Structure formats: structure tokens, C-alpha cells
Amino acid sequence: MCSHQPPCPSADSPDHDAAVIVSAHPEQGWSLLCNGTIVFDDTGEVLPDGRTVGPHRGLGPLTVAA
């Protein structure tokens, strides 16, 4: 699916969500990546083979008590 250089990571690689966005739909909360992965605003994903990846948000900035 990827035709630009350097090529995007495949949907099977650990950094698959670093692929280029080819179609963005912010009003609906999702984007299609060059490698066929659909990413959602909540950080969930649907891979091209139909597998899903649950949201993997960070915990936010750490605060240190004084």
C-alpha cells in the first residue's frame, strides 16, 4: 500500500502506528494509515487483517509530591 520513500512500517511491525496518515476523519475520530491500519482518537486500532488493538493511552505526566 505504501508507495513513498522511505516506506512506512508494515502493519506487523512494532512501530506500525508511525505510518503516514492517508485519510483523516477527525469528525468521526479515526484515520487510515498508509499500511492499512485504522487508528482511533482513543488510541485503539484495527489492523488490516481484522485484529484489534485496545486503547493504549499513557498515564499522563507524572507529578512529584514535595
N, C-alpha and C. Protein backbone atom coordinates (compact mmCIF):
# COMPACT_ATOMS: atom_id res chain seq x y z
N MET A 1 0.83 -1.19 0.00
CA MET A 1 0.00 0.00 0.00
C MET A 1 0.87 1.26 0.00
N CYS A 2 2.04 1.20 0.64
CA CYS A 2 2.92 2.36 0.76
C CYS A 2 3.74 2.53 -0.51
N SER A 3 3.66 3.72 -1.11
CA SER A 3 4.39 3.95 -2.35
C SER A 3 5.41 5.08 -2.23
N HIS A 4 5.60 5.64 -1.05
CA HIS A 4 6.57 6.73 -0.91
C HIS A 4 7.85 6.22 -0.26
N GLN A 5 8.88 7.04 -0.29
CA GLN A 5 10.19 6.67 0.27
C GLN A 5 10.53 7.60 1.42
N PRO A 6 11.08 7.12 2.50
CA PRO A 6 11.23 5.70 2.82
C PRO A 6 9.87 5.08 3.09
N PRO A 7 9.76 3.78 2.88
CA PRO A 7 8.46 3.13 3.09
C PRO A 7 8.05 3.14 4.56
N CYS A 8 6.76 3.16 4.77
CA CYS A 8 6.21 3.13 6.13
C CYS A 8 6.40 1.75 6.74
N PRO A 9 6.43 1.67 8.08
CA PRO A 9 6.49 0.36 8.72
C PRO A 9 5.23 -0.45 8.39
N SER A 10 5.40 -1.73 8.23
CA SER A 10 4.26 -2.60 7.92
C SER A 10 3.33 -2.68 9.13
N ALA A 11 2.13 -3.16 8.88
CA ALA A 11 1.15 -3.29 9.96
C ALA A 11 1.58 -4.31 11.00
N ASP A 12 2.52 -5.20 10.66
CA ASP A 12 3.00 -6.21 11.59
C ASP A 12 4.18 -5.76 12.44
N SER A 13 4.78 -4.63 12.10
CA SER A 13 5.97 -4.19 12.84
C SER A 13 5.56 -3.46 14.13
N PRO A 14 6.43 -3.47 15.13
CA PRO A 14 6.10 -2.85 16.42
C PRO A 14 5.78 -1.35 16.31
N ASP A 15 6.37 -0.66 15.34
CA ASP A 15 6.12 0.78 15.19
C ASP A 15 5.12 1.07 14.08
N HIS A 16 4.17 0.15 13.86
CA HIS A 16 3.21 0.28 12.76
C HIS A 16 2.40 1.57 12.79
N ASP A 17 2.18 2.13 13.98
CA ASP A 17 1.38 3.36 14.05
C ASP A 17 2.18 4.61 13.70
N ALA A 18 3.44 4.45 13.27
CA ALA A 18 4.24 5.57 12.78
C ALA A 18 4.05 5.78 11.28
N ALA A 19 3.21 4.99 10.64
CA ALA A 19 2.96 5.13 9.21
C ALA A 19 2.24 6.45 8.92
N VAL A 20 2.34 6.89 7.68
CA VAL A 20 1.74 8.15 7.24
C VAL A 20 0.22 8.02 7.19
N ILE A 21 -0.47 9.07 7.61
CA ILE A 21 -1.93 9.13 7.51
C ILE A 21 -2.30 9.42 6.05
N VAL A 22 -3.13 8.55 5.46
CA VAL A 22 -3.57 8.76 4.08
C VAL A 22 -4.99 9.28 3.99
N SER A 23 -5.76 9.11 5.05
CA SER A 23 -7.13 9.61 5.08
C SER A 23 -7.51 9.88 6.53
N ALA A 24 -7.78 11.14 6.84
CA ALA A 24 -8.14 11.51 8.21
C ALA A 24 -9.61 11.90 8.29
N HIS A 25 -10.26 11.44 9.32
CA HIS A 25 -11.67 11.74 9.57
C HIS A 25 -11.84 12.16 11.03
N PRO A 26 -11.29 13.33 11.40
CA PRO A 26 -11.34 13.76 12.81
C PRO A 26 -12.76 13.94 13.33
N GLU A 27 -13.69 14.26 12.44
CA GLU A 27 -15.08 14.43 12.87
C GLU A 27 -15.69 13.10 13.31
N GLN A 28 -15.10 12.00 12.84
CA GLN A 28 -15.57 10.67 13.22
C GLN A 28 -14.60 9.98 14.18
N GLY A 29 -13.43 10.58 14.39
CA GLY A 29 -12.49 10.06 15.39
C GLY A 29 -11.56 8.97 14.91
N TRP A 30 -11.28 8.89 13.60
CA TRP A 30 -10.37 7.85 13.11
C TRP A 30 -9.58 8.34 11.91
N SER A 31 -8.47 7.62 11.65
CA SER A 31 -7.61 7.90 10.49
C SER A 31 -7.13 6.57 9.92
N LEU A 32 -6.92 6.55 8.60
CA LEU A 32 -6.38 5.40 7.91
C LEU A 32 -4.91 5.65 7.64
N LEU A 33 -4.06 4.73 8.05
CA LEU A 33 -2.62 4.84 7.82
C LEU A 33 -2.25 4.16 6.51
N CYS A 34 -1.10 4.52 5.99
CA CYS A 34 -0.59 4.00 4.73
C CYS A 34 -0.46 2.48 4.72
N ASN A 35 -0.23 1.88 5.87
CA ASN A 35 -0.06 0.43 5.95
C ASN A 35 -1.39 -0.31 6.15
N GLY A 36 -2.50 0.39 6.05
CA GLY A 36 -3.82 -0.23 6.17
C GLY A 36 -4.39 -0.27 7.57
N THR A 37 -3.66 0.24 8.55
CA THR A 37 -4.13 0.27 9.93
C THR A 37 -5.09 1.45 10.12
N ILE A 38 -6.18 1.22 10.84
CA ILE A 38 -7.10 2.30 11.22
C ILE A 38 -6.81 2.63 12.67
N VAL A 39 -6.53 3.89 12.94
CA VAL A 39 -6.27 4.33 14.32
C VAL A 39 -7.40 5.25 14.76
N PHE A 40 -7.78 5.11 16.01
CA PHE A 40 -8.88 5.90 16.58
C PHE A 40 -8.34 6.92 17.56
N ASP A 41 -9.11 7.97 17.79
CA ASP A 41 -8.70 9.03 18.71
C ASP A 41 -8.42 8.50 20.12
N ASP A 42 -9.07 7.42 20.51
CA ASP A 42 -8.84 6.87 21.85
C ASP A 42 -7.60 5.97 21.90
N THR A 43 -6.83 5.92 20.81
CA THR A 43 -5.60 5.15 20.61
C THR A 43 -5.84 3.67 20.33
N GLY A 44 -7.08 3.25 20.17
CA GLY A 44 -7.36 1.89 19.73
C GLY A 44 -7.05 1.78 18.24
N GLU A 45 -6.92 0.55 17.74
CA GLU A 45 -6.56 0.34 16.35
C GLU A 45 -7.26 -0.90 15.80
N VAL A 46 -7.47 -0.90 14.49
CA VAL A 46 -7.88 -2.09 13.76
C VAL A 46 -6.81 -2.33 12.71
N LEU A 47 -6.20 -3.52 12.76
CA LEU A 47 -5.15 -3.88 11.81
C LEU A 47 -5.78 -4.40 10.52
N PRO A 48 -5.04 -4.38 9.41
CA PRO A 48 -5.61 -4.80 8.13
C PRO A 48 -6.18 -6.21 8.11
N ASP A 49 -5.67 -7.10 8.97
CA ASP A 49 -6.18 -8.47 9.00
C ASP A 49 -7.40 -8.63 9.90
N GLY A 50 -7.89 -7.51 10.47
CA GLY A 50 -9.10 -7.54 11.30
C GLY A 50 -8.84 -7.62 12.79
N ARG A 51 -7.58 -7.87 13.19
CA ARG A 51 -7.28 -7.88 14.63
C ARG A 51 -7.44 -6.48 15.19
N THR A 52 -7.80 -6.41 16.45
CA THR A 52 -7.94 -5.12 17.11
C THR A 52 -6.88 -4.95 18.18
N VAL A 53 -6.53 -3.70 18.42
CA VAL A 53 -5.59 -3.34 19.48
C VAL A 53 -6.35 -2.36 20.37
N GLY A 54 -6.46 -2.68 21.65
CA GLY A 54 -7.18 -1.82 22.58
C GLY A 54 -6.46 -0.51 22.80
N PRO A 55 -7.17 0.47 23.32
CA PRO A 55 -6.54 1.76 23.62
C PRO A 55 -5.30 1.58 24.49
N HIS A 56 -4.26 2.32 24.16
CA HIS A 56 -3.00 2.23 24.91
C HIS A 56 -2.49 3.61 25.27
N ARG A 57 -3.37 4.38 25.87
CA ARG A 57 -3.00 5.73 26.30
C ARG A 57 -2.00 5.66 27.43
N GLY A 58 -1.18 6.70 27.49
CA GLY A 58 -0.26 6.83 28.62
C GLY A 58 -1.00 7.28 29.85
N LEU A 59 -0.33 7.26 30.95
CA LEU A 59 -0.95 7.67 32.21
C LEU A 59 -0.90 9.17 32.40
N GLY A 60 -0.28 9.89 31.49
CA GLY A 60 -0.17 11.33 31.63
C GLY A 60 1.11 11.70 32.35
N PRO A 61 1.33 12.99 32.52
CA PRO A 61 2.57 13.41 33.17
C PRO A 61 2.60 12.98 34.63
N LEU A 62 3.78 12.63 35.07
CA LEU A 62 3.95 12.25 36.47
C LEU A 62 4.07 13.50 37.31
N THR A 63 3.50 13.46 38.49
CA THR A 63 3.66 14.57 39.43
C THR A 63 4.45 14.06 40.62
N VAL A 64 5.32 14.89 41.10
CA VAL A 64 6.16 14.51 42.23
C VAL A 64 5.73 15.32 43.43
N ALA A 65 5.40 14.63 44.51
CA ALA A 65 5.00 15.33 45.74
C ALA A 65 6.24 15.91 46.40
N ALA A 66 6.11 17.12 46.90
CA ALA A 66 7.26 17.79 47.54
C ALA A 66 7.37 17.40 48.99
